[in-house]
Amino acid sequence: MYLPRRVYEVLPYAYVAAGLLACIASYLSTGSVWSDLAFGSGAIAIIGGFVLILRRRSYRDDEARYDRHSLDD
């Protein structure tokens, strides 16, 4: 599946934002099953967004490091 670069770059931040909104919504409507589900899905979205951000950063750092060493040879 192809995504335009702008959409691809924004996705992790959108996951974190959606997760925060879900957690805030669960806080505002406490005491129901839907509140618990909103909090759980929000927490998963936040964690997933941060994992994507960190994995991309690590991958880009590794690629930059290896590309620089391959040019020196």
C-alpha atoms as a PDB file:
ATOM      1  CA  MET A   1       0.000   0.000   0.000  1.00  0.00           C
ATOM      2  CA  TYR A   2       1.392   3.357  -1.009  1.00  0.00           C
ATOM      3  CA  LEU A   3       0.978   6.406   1.195  1.00  0.00           C
ATOM      4  CA  PRO A   4       2.156   9.878   0.248  1.00  0.00           C
ATOM      5  CA  ARG A   5       5.204  10.939   2.245  1.00  0.00           C
ATOM      6  CA  ARG A   6       3.292  13.665   4.110  1.00  0.00           C
ATOM      7  CA  VAL A   7       0.693  11.173   5.323  1.00  0.00           C
ATOM      8  CA  TYR A   8       3.360   8.596   6.193  1.00  0.00           C
ATOM      9  CA  GLU A   9       5.321  11.089   8.296  1.00  0.00           C
ATOM     10  CA  VAL A  10       2.275  12.323  10.215  1.00  0.00           C
ATOM     11  CA  LEU A  11       0.794   8.908  11.091  1.00  0.00           C
ATOM     12  CA  PRO A  12       2.707   8.266  14.366  1.00  0.00           C
ATOM     13  CA  TYR A  13       1.792  11.713  15.664  1.00  0.00           C
ATOM     14  CA  ALA A  14      -1.831  11.156  14.642  1.00  0.00           C
ATOM     15  CA  TYR A  15      -1.810   7.880  16.599  1.00  0.00           C
ATOM     16  CA  VAL A  16      -0.512   9.660  19.698  1.00  0.00           C
ATOM     17  CA  ALA A  17      -3.046  12.490  19.311  1.00  0.00           C
ATOM     18  CA  ALA A  18      -5.941  10.067  18.820  1.00  0.00           C
ATOM     19  CA  GLY A  19      -4.779   8.085  21.840  1.00  0.00           C
ATOM     20  CA  LEU A  20      -4.655  11.203  23.981  1.00  0.00           C
ATOM     21  CA  LEU A  21      -8.151  12.189  22.856  1.00  0.00           C
ATOM     22  CA  ALA A  22      -9.455   8.717  23.688  1.00  0.00           C
ATOM     23  CA  CYS A  23      -7.857   8.836  27.142  1.00  0.00           C
ATOM     24  CA  ILE A  24      -9.305  12.289  27.790  1.00  0.00           C
ATOM     25  CA  ALA A  25     -12.738  11.107  26.632  1.00  0.00           C
ATOM     26  CA  SER A  26     -12.521   8.127  28.968  1.00  0.00           C
ATOM     27  CA  TYR A  27     -11.618  10.441  31.839  1.00  0.00           C
ATOM     28  CA  LEU A  28     -14.620  12.681  31.163  1.00  0.00           C
ATOM     29  CA  SER A  29     -17.122   9.813  31.078  1.00  0.00           C
ATOM     30  CA  THR A  30     -16.064   7.566  33.923  1.00  0.00           C
ATOM     31  CA  GLY A  31     -17.875   4.527  35.194  1.00  0.00           C
ATOM     32  CA  SER A  32     -18.822   2.659  32.044  1.00  0.00           C
ATOM     33  CA  VAL A  33     -17.416  -0.161  29.969  1.00  0.00           C
ATOM     34  CA  TRP A  34     -16.996   2.223  27.031  1.00  0.00           C
ATOM     35  CA  SER A  35     -14.834   4.435  29.197  1.00  0.00           C
ATOM     36  CA  ASP A  36     -12.539   1.514  29.976  1.00  0.00           C
ATOM     37  CA  LEU A  37     -12.393   0.508  26.314  1.00  0.00           C
ATOM     38  CA  ALA A  38     -11.618   4.079  25.268  1.00  0.00           C
ATOM     39  CA  PHE A  39      -8.808   4.276  27.800  1.00  0.00           C
ATOM     40  CA  GLY A  40      -7.359   0.921  26.739  1.00  0.00           C
ATOM     41  CA  SER A  41      -7.461   1.725  23.048  1.00  0.00           C
ATOM     42  CA  GLY A  42      -6.061   5.187  23.726  1.00  0.00           C
ATOM     43  CA  ALA A  43      -3.154   3.756  25.694  1.00  0.00           C
ATOM     44  CA  ILE A  44      -2.432   1.263  22.904  1.00  0.00           C
ATOM     45  CA  ALA A  45      -2.524   4.049  20.299  1.00  0.00           C
ATOM     46  CA  ILE A  46      -0.153   6.228  22.332  1.00  0.00           C
ATOM     47  CA  ILE A  47       2.309   3.395  22.859  1.00  0.00           C
ATOM     48  CA  GLY A  48       2.085   2.378  19.201  1.00  0.00           C
ATOM     49  CA  GLY A  49       2.699   5.943  18.044  1.00  0.00           C
ATOM     50  CA  PHE A  50       5.765   6.310  20.243  1.00  0.00           C
ATOM     51  CA  VAL A  51       7.095   2.927  19.107  1.00  0.00           C
ATOM     52  CA  LEU A  52       6.779   4.016  15.479  1.00  0.00           C
ATOM     53  CA  ILE A  53       8.493   7.337  16.174  1.00  0.00           C
ATOM     54  CA  LEU A  54      11.413   5.647  17.939  1.00  0.00           C
ATOM     55  CA  ARG A  55      11.755   2.868  15.329  1.00  0.00           C
ATOM     56  CA  ARG A  56      11.844   5.377  12.489  1.00  0.00           C
ATOM     57  CA  ARG A  57      14.432   7.473  14.288  1.00  0.00           C
ATOM     58  CA  SER A  58      16.603   4.433  14.934  1.00  0.00           C
ATOM     59  CA  TYR A  59      16.282   3.218  11.344  1.00  0.00           C
ATOM     60  CA  ARG A  60      17.184   6.626   9.929  1.00  0.00           C
ATOM     61  CA  ASP A  61      20.184   6.958  12.239  1.00  0.00           C
ATOM     62  CA  ASP A  62      21.420   3.503  11.224  1.00  0.00           C
ATOM     63  CA  GLU A  63      20.932   4.236   7.529  1.00  0.00           C
ATOM     64  CA  ALA A  64      22.836   7.515   7.822  1.00  0.00           C
ATOM     65  CA  ARG A  65      25.670   5.813   9.703  1.00  0.00           C
ATOM     66  CA  TYR A  66      26.001   2.938   7.236  1.00  0.00           C
ATOM     67  CA  ASP A  67      25.721   5.152   4.176  1.00  0.00           C
ATOM     68  CA  ARG A  68      28.518   7.338   5.473  1.00  0.00           C
ATOM     69  CA  HIS A  69      30.808   4.336   6.098  1.00  0.00           C
ATOM     70  CA  SER A  70      30.110   2.831   2.679  1.00  0.00           C
ATOM     71  CA  LEU A  71      31.184   6.062   1.004  1.00  0.00           C
ATOM     72  CA  ASP A  72      34.532   6.017   2.819  1.00  0.00           C
ATOM     73  CA  ASP A  73      35.531   2.643   1.311  1.00  0.00           C
END
